[in-house]
């Protein structure tokens, strides 16, 4: 009986030693980094822009964005469609409105609620916008926007 339990212990030890090697054979999925970094801008950010490239409707999963002219500046609205909990404290059907604080030929900064919501975005080579949002509590979320069809 003691010989059997010793064999079992040796077998279990060998099995545990082989698990890391077996795990390397499993499919590896891309790891998503923290939502703090934006890609390099594809334009000269020092040039002035009227923001025409940003105007219109953009979409991302669970949200719809609309950028429009308002007086001398640009305004935006975000309609949140789902109830996905992403740490930003949004509920289903949340709507946020604000202004465009800065704009260049390929980058922008948005603000709403006097610092309650901020978003930095960059237009990418493929015509999408990569953006990072932050709320007053320091929670962040990433967005990849594309033109609405």
Foldseek 3Di string as FASTA:
>chain_A
DVVVVVVVVVVVVVVVVCVVVVVVPDDDDDDDDDLPDDDDAPDDQVADDQCPLPAAWKDWPQKIKHWDDDPSFIKMKIFGAAQDCQPLPDGHGDMFIWTWPDDGPFKTWTDGDNQQKIKIWGQDPVGWIWMWMAGPVGRIDITIIHHDD
